[in-house]
Amino acid sequence: MQCLLCKSEPVEFLDLGKQPLANKYPKKEDFEKEDFFPLTVHFCPACKNVQLGTVISRERMFEDYYYLSSVNQALVRHFEQLAKKLSKAKFVVDIGSNDGILLKPLKELGVKALGVEPSVNVSKIANDKGLETINAFFDAPTVEKIVKERGMADVVVTSSVFTHLEDPHTFTENVKNLMTDDGVFIIEVEYIGNILRDVQFERFYLDRIFYYSLTSLAHFFESHGMCIEDVEHIEPHGGSIRVYVRTEEIAPSKNVVRLLEKEKTELTLATLEKFKQRVNESIAAFREKLQEYKDAGFKVAGYGAPARVATITNYGKIGPDLIAFIVDDSPLKQNRFSPGMHIPIVPKTHLDEQERKPEVLVVFAYEYLDDIKKKTSGGNYRYLIPIPPREV
């Protein structure tokens, strides 16, 4: 296989076995129809890009989707802060706008904004709230329609979307055709440096093809006549980066220079080999901890059913015998099951039923631990972060 960014030869460094589609939450009648695909992860030494070995069509992934951004209050606050940064923009286009989590604060600030969202069900939720959203994939006809009807955008944003793209090259050319000459393209992506440092192997799943370093992004945008102006570390999704990209020739900030230098020594094949060892140690330790609880007679449930649940539970062979159910605040996931291992997903009211009340909550959405603790205060729970396993 080739690196999808620079066409060099990548090296496989992690095999997570056969995995289901992480954001497809089946009902019982769907169990026999579930597909499983190899989940291997590869590193390109030439441009420091990390990518999956299997690519599933984006249409299959995103036409029917079960992730709603706005059920997460920490994310709501994050996008409210981003909207304030964009308050002087003339026209913002948010690609992969989900249920309008950025469109809402922009509208409240009086900023002209438009969302583009491929998921039929999710875009309807946004439009029903009065947050104008085009239900489409971001392609050339969509760009032509926006430019013809609204004009060009001085800010184009895509948050936690760039990693999903099957063809980032065409996507980026479409962004350039949408954006004014002095415009800025802002992308937020999960950062491979955080994934490696914190053993976040569960962030590898079939939705996301790419796991970017700043080095790989710099190589990529340079090939499209663009340059990275600045980079910021941000909190969402276990640690991400926000990258500001322009078509104008501009000197990179000190933040950019420092992170590129850091990646020269910290993102190597040797680092990835150590990561693989830590992954296997962590999943074994998590399964052992769950077995300890079971042997001690403790009931265990989960809180939060993000996509990473699929990777953790399928790689660790962890099912309802070890985790009875998972609470999730999204109504789209409730009364369904986790992909592959089929752990029931239920509303928070499940915790109020005394006969089902667990002693331990596994916090799969661990970056929102504080919010989850507030939601479950008074329950006298023990909280367990899954990878690496530790009570908090």
Protein backbone atom coordinates (compact mmCIF):
# COMPACT_ATOMS: atom_id res chain seq x y z
CA MET A 1 0.00 0.00 0.00
CA GLN A 2 0.97 3.66 -0.39
CA CYS A 3 0.83 6.59 1.96
CA LEU A 4 -2.32 8.36 0.85
CA LEU A 5 -0.69 11.74 1.42
CA CYS A 6 2.77 11.47 -0.16
CA LYS A 7 2.71 8.10 -2.02
CA SER A 8 5.69 6.70 -0.07
CA GLU A 9 5.70 3.21 1.48
CA PRO A 10 4.26 3.14 5.03
CA VAL A 11 5.10 0.56 7.71
CA GLU A 12 2.46 -1.37 9.67
CA PHE A 13 2.97 -0.95 13.42
CA LEU A 14 -0.31 -2.06 15.00
CA ASP A 15 -2.92 -4.74 14.26
CA LEU A 16 -6.17 -4.41 16.22
CA GLY A 17 -7.84 -7.43 14.63
CA LYS A 18 -11.26 -7.50 12.96
CA GLN A 19 -13.44 -4.54 13.93
CA PRO A 20 -17.04 -3.45 13.20
CA LEU A 21 -17.98 0.03 12.01
CA ALA A 22 -17.59 2.04 15.20
CA ASN A 23 -20.39 4.58 14.79
CA LYS A 24 -23.06 2.11 13.68
CA TYR A 25 -25.00 1.12 16.80
CA PRO A 26 -27.04 -1.96 15.89
CA LYS A 27 -30.42 -3.15 17.13
CA LYS A 28 -30.87 -6.87 17.81
CA GLU A 29 -32.26 -7.47 14.35
CA ASP A 30 -29.06 -5.99 12.86
CA PHE A 31 -26.59 -8.31 14.63
CA GLU A 32 -26.33 -10.86 11.82
CA LYS A 33 -25.78 -8.11 9.22
CA GLU A 34 -22.81 -6.51 10.97
CA ASP A 35 -19.62 -6.46 8.91
CA PHE A 36 -16.10 -6.70 10.35
CA PHE A 37 -12.94 -5.39 8.71
CA PRO A 38 -9.20 -5.61 9.46
CA LEU A 39 -8.00 -2.65 11.55
CA THR A 40 -4.29 -2.18 10.92
CA VAL A 41 -2.39 1.07 11.51
CA HIS A 42 0.53 2.24 9.37
CA PHE A 43 3.24 4.92 9.70
CA CYS A 44 4.91 6.76 6.82
CA PRO A 45 8.53 7.62 7.76
CA ALA A 46 8.74 10.06 4.84
CA CYS A 47 6.01 12.52 5.94
CA LYS A 48 5.18 11.18 9.45
CA ASN A 49 1.60 10.41 8.45
CA VAL A 50 -0.35 7.68 10.25
CA GLN A 51 -3.19 5.97 8.37
CA LEU A 52 -5.34 2.85 8.43
CA GLY A 53 -4.79 -0.06 6.08
CA THR A 54 -8.51 -0.47 5.30
CA VAL A 55 -10.68 2.28 3.85
CA ILE A 56 -14.48 1.99 3.99
CA SER A 57 -16.55 4.21 1.68
CA ARG A 58 -17.48 7.50 3.29
CA GLU A 59 -21.06 7.20 1.99
CA ARG A 60 -21.53 4.03 4.03
CA MET A 61 -20.03 5.67 7.09
CA PHE A 62 -21.87 8.96 7.23
CA GLU A 63 -25.23 8.92 5.48
CA ASP A 64 -26.83 7.56 8.68
CA TYR A 65 -24.94 8.67 11.77
CA TYR A 66 -25.40 8.44 15.52
CA TYR A 67 -23.08 11.09 16.93
CA LEU A 68 -24.58 14.36 18.17
CA SER A 69 -22.02 16.95 19.25
CA SER A 70 -24.36 19.11 21.28
CA VAL A 71 -25.21 16.47 23.89
CA ASN A 72 -21.69 17.05 25.22
CA GLN A 73 -21.53 20.24 27.27
CA ALA A 74 -17.74 20.42 27.21
CA LEU A 75 -17.86 20.45 23.40
CA VAL A 76 -20.60 23.08 23.48
CA ARG A 77 -18.29 25.31 25.53
CA HIS A 78 -15.39 24.58 23.19
CA PHE A 79 -17.33 25.75 20.12
CA GLU A 80 -18.73 28.77 21.92
CA GLN A 81 -15.12 29.84 22.49
CA LEU A 82 -14.22 29.21 18.84
CA ALA A 83 -17.25 31.24 17.71
CA LYS A 84 -15.97 34.21 19.72
CA LYS A 85 -12.64 33.98 17.87
CA LEU A 86 -14.57 34.12 14.59
CA SER A 87 -16.90 36.94 15.60
CA LYS A 88 -15.44 39.34 13.00
CA ALA A 89 -15.73 36.92 10.09
CA LYS A 90 -17.92 37.91 7.17
CA PHE A 91 -19.04 34.43 6.13
CA VAL A 92 -18.16 31.13 7.83
CA VAL A 93 -18.73 27.70 6.27
CA ASP A 94 -18.56 24.80 8.73
CA ILE A 95 -17.90 21.50 6.94
CA GLY A 96 -19.18 18.49 8.87
CA SER A 97 -21.29 20.80 11.00
CA ASN A 98 -23.16 17.95 12.76
CA ASP A 99 -26.17 19.27 14.69
CA GLY A 100 -25.03 22.90 14.45
CA ILE A 101 -22.81 23.05 17.52
CA LEU A 102 -20.70 25.87 15.99
CA LEU A 103 -23.48 27.38 13.87
CA LYS A 104 -25.57 28.14 16.95
CA PRO A 105 -23.09 30.43 18.77
CA LEU A 106 -22.10 32.04 15.47
CA LYS A 107 -25.76 32.85 14.79
CA GLU A 108 -26.12 34.28 18.29
CA LEU A 109 -23.11 36.54 17.61
CA GLY A 110 -24.66 37.73 14.34
CA VAL A 111 -22.08 36.01 12.11
CA LYS A 112 -23.30 34.80 8.73
CA ALA A 113 -22.68 31.03 8.73
CA LEU A 114 -23.66 27.91 6.82
CA GLY A 115 -23.19 24.24 7.65
CA VAL A 116 -22.46 21.33 5.31
CA GLU A 117 -23.37 17.94 6.79
CA PRO A 118 -23.62 14.60 4.92
CA SER A 119 -25.75 12.77 7.49
CA VAL A 120 -29.43 13.01 6.64
CA ASN A 121 -30.69 12.53 10.19
CA VAL A 122 -28.19 14.89 11.82
CA SER A 123 -28.55 17.72 9.28
CA LYS A 124 -32.33 17.59 9.78
CA ILE A 125 -31.82 18.12 13.52
CA ALA A 126 -29.74 21.24 12.79
CA ASN A 127 -32.21 22.67 10.26
CA ASP A 128 -35.12 22.00 12.61
CA LYS A 129 -33.32 24.25 15.12
CA GLY A 130 -33.05 27.04 12.54
CA LEU A 131 -29.34 26.45 11.91
CA GLU A 132 -29.01 26.52 8.14
CA THR A 133 -27.32 23.35 6.94
CA ILE A 134 -26.87 21.84 3.47
CA ASN A 135 -27.33 18.07 3.55
CA ALA A 136 -24.50 17.00 1.25
CA PHE A 137 -20.96 15.77 1.08
CA PHE A 138 -18.48 18.60 0.59
CA ASP A 139 -17.74 18.27 -3.12
CA ALA A 140 -17.37 20.48 -6.19
CA PRO A 141 -21.13 20.81 -6.88
CA THR A 142 -21.71 21.82 -3.24
CA VAL A 143 -18.97 24.46 -3.48
CA GLU A 144 -20.42 25.78 -6.74
CA LYS A 145 -23.86 26.04 -5.13
CA ILE A 146 -22.54 27.91 -2.08
CA VAL A 147 -20.44 30.37 -4.10
CA LYS A 148 -23.27 31.06 -6.54
CA GLU A 149 -25.91 31.59 -3.84
CA ARG A 150 -23.87 33.01 -0.92
CA GLY A 151 -20.49 34.11 -2.21
CA MET A 152 -17.03 33.00 -1.07
CA ALA A 153 -16.18 32.36 2.57
CA ASP A 154 -13.42 34.18 4.43
CA VAL A 155 -13.37 31.38 7.04
CA VAL A 156 -13.80 27.66 6.38
CA VAL A 157 -13.87 25.38 9.43
CA THR A 158 -13.80 21.63 9.71
CA SER A 159 -13.64 20.05 13.17
CA SER A 160 -12.89 16.35 13.65
CA VAL A 161 -13.62 15.80 9.95
CA PHE A 162 -10.29 16.01 8.13
CA THR A 163 -9.22 12.68 9.66
CA HIS A 164 -12.26 10.98 8.10
CA LEU A 165 -11.59 11.97 4.51
CA GLU A 166 -11.03 9.32 1.87
CA ASP A 167 -9.55 11.91 -0.51
CA PRO A 168 -8.16 14.93 1.39
CA HIS A 169 -6.51 16.20 -1.80
CA THR A 170 -9.77 16.85 -3.68
CA PHE A 171 -11.38 18.12 -0.47
CA THR A 172 -8.62 20.72 -0.03
CA GLU A 173 -8.88 21.92 -3.62
CA ASN A 174 -12.61 22.38 -3.06
CA VAL A 175 -11.85 24.43 0.07
CA LYS A 176 -9.53 26.66 -1.97
CA ASN A 177 -12.32 27.22 -4.52
CA LEU A 178 -14.70 28.23 -1.72
CA MET A 179 -12.32 30.50 0.19
CA THR A 180 -11.38 34.11 -0.50
CA ASP A 181 -7.71 34.81 -1.31
CA ASP A 182 -7.12 36.24 2.16
CA GLY A 183 -9.29 33.62 3.87
CA VAL A 184 -8.28 31.08 6.49
CA PHE A 185 -8.95 27.35 6.62
CA ILE A 186 -9.23 26.12 10.21
CA ILE A 187 -9.02 22.40 10.89
CA GLU A 188 -9.27 20.60 14.22
CA VAL A 189 -7.86 17.07 14.22
CA GLU A 190 -7.01 14.48 16.83
CA TYR A 191 -3.26 14.70 17.33
CA ILE A 192 -1.16 11.57 16.88
CA GLY A 193 1.31 12.85 19.50
CA ASN A 194 -1.37 12.69 22.20
CA ILE A 195 -2.54 9.26 21.04
CA LEU A 196 0.98 7.86 21.37
CA ARG A 197 1.82 9.59 24.65
CA ASP A 198 -1.39 8.56 26.43
CA VAL A 199 -1.76 5.09 24.84
CA GLN A 200 -5.07 6.11 23.23
CA PHE A 201 -5.17 3.18 20.80
CA GLU A 202 -8.97 3.23 21.07
CA ARG A 203 -8.95 6.33 18.87
CA PHE A 204 -8.04 4.12 15.93
CA TYR A 205 -11.30 3.00 14.32
CA LEU A 206 -12.60 2.61 10.79
CA ASP A 207 -14.34 6.00 10.64
CA ARG A 208 -11.01 7.79 10.73
CA ILE A 209 -8.48 7.05 8.00
CA PHE A 210 -5.78 9.54 9.03
CA TYR A 211 -4.09 10.44 12.32
CA TYR A 212 -2.09 13.56 11.61
CA SER A 213 1.13 14.99 12.87
CA LEU A 214 1.87 18.64 12.18
CA THR A 215 4.73 17.43 9.95
CA SER A 216 2.36 15.41 7.77
CA LEU A 217 -0.06 18.35 7.55
CA ALA A 218 2.75 20.73 6.59
CA HIS A 219 3.88 18.36 3.80
CA PHE A 220 0.32 17.94 2.64
CA PHE A 221 -0.66 21.61 2.49
CA GLU A 222 2.63 22.58 0.87
CA SER A 223 1.75 20.20 -1.98
CA HIS A 224 -1.44 22.26 -2.47
CA GLY A 225 0.28 25.65 -2.45
CA MET A 226 -0.86 26.42 1.08
CA CYS A 227 1.01 27.07 4.30
CA ILE A 228 0.35 26.59 8.01
CA GLU A 229 0.22 29.93 9.79
CA ASP A 230 -0.34 28.75 13.37
CA VAL A 231 -1.20 25.75 15.54
CA GLU A 232 -2.85 25.45 18.95
CA HIS A 233 -3.26 22.49 21.28
CA ILE A 234 -6.94 22.04 22.20
CA GLU A 235 -8.77 19.72 24.59
CA PRO A 236 -11.43 17.81 22.59
CA HIS A 237 -11.12 14.11 21.74
CA GLY A 238 -8.31 13.35 24.14
CA GLY A 239 -6.07 16.12 22.85
CA SER A 240 -6.25 17.67 19.39
CA ILE A 241 -4.61 20.44 17.41
CA ARG A 242 -6.25 23.40 15.72
CA VAL A 243 -4.36 24.38 12.58
CA TYR A 244 -4.72 27.67 10.69
CA VAL A 245 -3.97 27.32 6.97
CA ARG A 246 -3.74 30.04 4.29
CA THR A 247 -3.14 30.26 0.58
CA GLU A 248 -1.16 33.47 1.11
CA GLU A 249 2.58 33.12 1.66
CA ILE A 250 3.09 33.71 5.37
CA ALA A 251 5.80 32.97 7.93
CA PRO A 252 4.89 30.18 10.39
CA SER A 253 4.43 31.10 14.03
CA LYS A 254 6.80 30.02 16.81
CA ASN A 255 4.21 27.42 17.81
CA VAL A 256 4.51 25.79 14.39
CA VAL A 257 8.32 25.81 14.39
CA ARG A 258 8.52 24.34 17.91
CA LEU A 259 6.08 21.49 17.25
CA LEU A 260 7.75 20.52 13.96
CA GLU A 261 11.11 20.30 15.77
CA LYS A 262 9.59 18.22 18.56
CA GLU A 263 8.12 15.72 16.11
CA LYS A 264 11.54 15.04 14.56
CA THR A 265 12.61 13.13 17.67
CA GLU A 266 9.30 12.03 19.18
CA LEU A 267 7.55 10.54 16.16
CA THR A 268 9.72 7.64 15.03
CA LEU A 269 9.41 3.91 14.34
CA ALA A 270 11.09 3.21 17.69
CA THR A 271 8.39 5.25 19.46
CA LEU A 272 5.68 3.31 17.66
CA GLU A 273 7.14 -0.06 18.68
CA LYS A 274 7.04 0.99 22.35
CA PHE A 275 3.47 2.19 21.85
CA LYS A 276 2.41 -1.23 20.51
CA GLN A 277 3.79 -2.94 23.61
CA ARG A 278 1.96 -0.51 25.90
CA VAL A 279 -1.30 -1.08 24.00
CA ASN A 280 -1.21 -4.81 24.62
CA GLU A 281 -0.29 -4.32 28.27
CA SER A 282 -3.12 -1.80 28.76
CA ILE A 283 -5.92 -3.86 27.21
CA ALA A 284 -4.86 -6.93 29.20
CA ALA A 285 -4.82 -4.89 32.41
CA PHE A 286 -8.28 -3.45 31.68
CA ARG A 287 -9.79 -6.88 31.12
CA GLU A 288 -8.15 -8.18 34.31
CA LYS A 289 -9.56 -5.24 36.29
CA LEU A 290 -13.08 -5.93 35.02
CA GLN A 291 -12.68 -9.60 35.95
CA GLU A 292 -11.56 -8.56 39.45
CA TYR A 293 -14.75 -6.53 39.89
CA LYS A 294 -16.86 -9.45 38.66
CA ASP A 295 -15.13 -11.90 40.99
CA ALA A 296 -15.72 -9.49 43.90
CA GLY A 297 -19.45 -9.36 43.08
CA PHE A 298 -19.46 -5.74 41.85
CA LYS A 299 -21.84 -4.68 39.10
CA VAL A 300 -20.07 -2.73 36.35
CA ALA A 301 -21.59 -0.37 33.77
CA GLY A 302 -20.14 2.16 31.35
CA TYR A 303 -20.81 5.87 30.85
CA GLY A 304 -20.50 7.27 27.36
CA ALA A 305 -20.63 5.20 24.17
CA PRO A 306 -18.31 7.08 21.79
CA ALA A 307 -16.90 5.31 18.77
CA ARG A 308 -13.80 4.24 20.70
CA VAL A 309 -15.97 1.79 22.70
CA ALA A 310 -15.96 -0.47 19.63
CA THR A 311 -12.16 -0.60 19.42
CA ILE A 312 -11.65 -1.25 23.14
CA THR A 313 -14.34 -3.88 23.58
CA ASN A 314 -13.71 -5.78 20.35
CA TYR A 315 -9.93 -5.85 20.75
CA GLY A 316 -10.28 -6.85 24.41
CA LYS A 317 -13.20 -9.26 23.80
CA ILE A 318 -15.22 -7.42 26.46
CA GLY A 319 -18.99 -7.94 26.40
CA PRO A 320 -22.07 -7.74 28.63
CA ASP A 321 -20.64 -10.41 30.97
CA LEU A 322 -18.10 -7.82 32.16
CA ILE A 323 -19.93 -4.53 31.46
CA ALA A 324 -23.69 -4.92 31.91
CA PHE A 325 -24.73 -1.78 30.00
CA ILE A 326 -23.47 1.62 28.87
CA VAL A 327 -25.27 4.88 29.63
CA ASP A 328 -25.22 7.46 26.85
CA ASP A 329 -26.91 10.85 26.73
CA SER A 330 -27.55 10.78 22.98
CA PRO A 331 -31.11 9.64 22.17
CA LEU A 332 -29.83 8.34 18.81
CA LYS A 333 -27.73 5.66 20.56
CA GLN A 334 -30.13 4.69 23.33
CA ASN A 335 -31.94 1.35 23.08
CA ARG A 336 -29.29 0.08 20.70
CA PHE A 337 -26.09 -1.93 21.29
CA SER A 338 -22.35 -1.34 21.09
CA PRO A 339 -20.88 -2.45 17.75
CA GLY A 340 -19.55 -6.00 17.67
CA MET A 341 -19.72 -6.97 21.36
CA HIS A 342 -23.37 -5.86 21.75
CA ILE A 343 -23.36 -4.23 25.16
CA PRO A 344 -26.79 -2.57 25.68
CA ILE A 345 -26.82 1.25 25.44
CA VAL A 346 -29.37 2.91 27.72
CA PRO A 347 -30.48 6.35 28.98
CA LYS A 348 -29.23 7.69 32.30
CA THR A 349 -32.55 6.80 33.97
CA HIS A 350 -31.29 3.20 33.93
CA LEU A 351 -29.04 4.12 36.86
CA ASP A 352 -32.07 4.97 38.97
CA GLU A 353 -33.36 1.38 38.92
CA GLN A 354 -32.05 -0.12 42.14
CA GLU A 355 -31.79 -3.70 40.89
CA ARG A 356 -29.58 -2.53 38.00
CA LYS A 357 -27.54 0.06 39.87
CA PRO A 358 -23.81 -0.60 39.41
CA GLU A 359 -21.02 -0.04 41.91
CA VAL A 360 -18.51 0.83 39.17
CA LEU A 361 -18.83 3.14 36.16
CA VAL A 362 -16.29 2.73 33.35
CA VAL A 363 -15.90 6.23 31.91
CA PHE A 364 -15.34 5.63 28.21
CA ALA A 365 -15.82 9.35 27.43
CA TYR A 366 -13.05 10.08 29.93
CA GLU A 367 -12.13 13.56 28.72
CA TYR A 368 -15.53 14.62 30.03
CA LEU A 369 -15.04 12.97 33.41
CA ASP A 370 -15.90 16.08 35.42
CA ASP A 371 -19.22 16.53 33.62
CA ILE A 372 -20.05 12.83 34.02
CA LYS A 373 -19.25 12.93 37.74
CA LYS A 374 -21.62 15.88 38.13
CA LYS A 375 -24.37 14.03 36.26
CA THR A 376 -23.97 10.96 38.49
CA SER A 377 -23.21 12.66 41.81
CA GLY A 378 -24.92 11.02 44.75
CA GLY A 379 -24.61 7.55 43.25
CA ASN A 380 -21.55 6.64 45.32
CA TYR A 381 -19.87 5.12 42.27
CA ARG A 382 -16.31 4.04 41.73
CA TYR A 383 -15.11 5.55 38.43
CA LEU A 384 -12.68 3.65 36.20
CA ILE A 385 -10.77 5.12 33.25
CA PRO A 386 -10.33 2.18 30.85
CA ILE A 387 -6.97 2.71 29.13
CA PRO A 388 -4.67 2.39 31.00
CA PRO A 389 -7.09 1.22 33.74
CA ARG A 390 -7.15 3.42 36.83
CA GLU A 391 -9.76 4.44 39.35
CA VAL A 392 -10.28 8.20 39.66
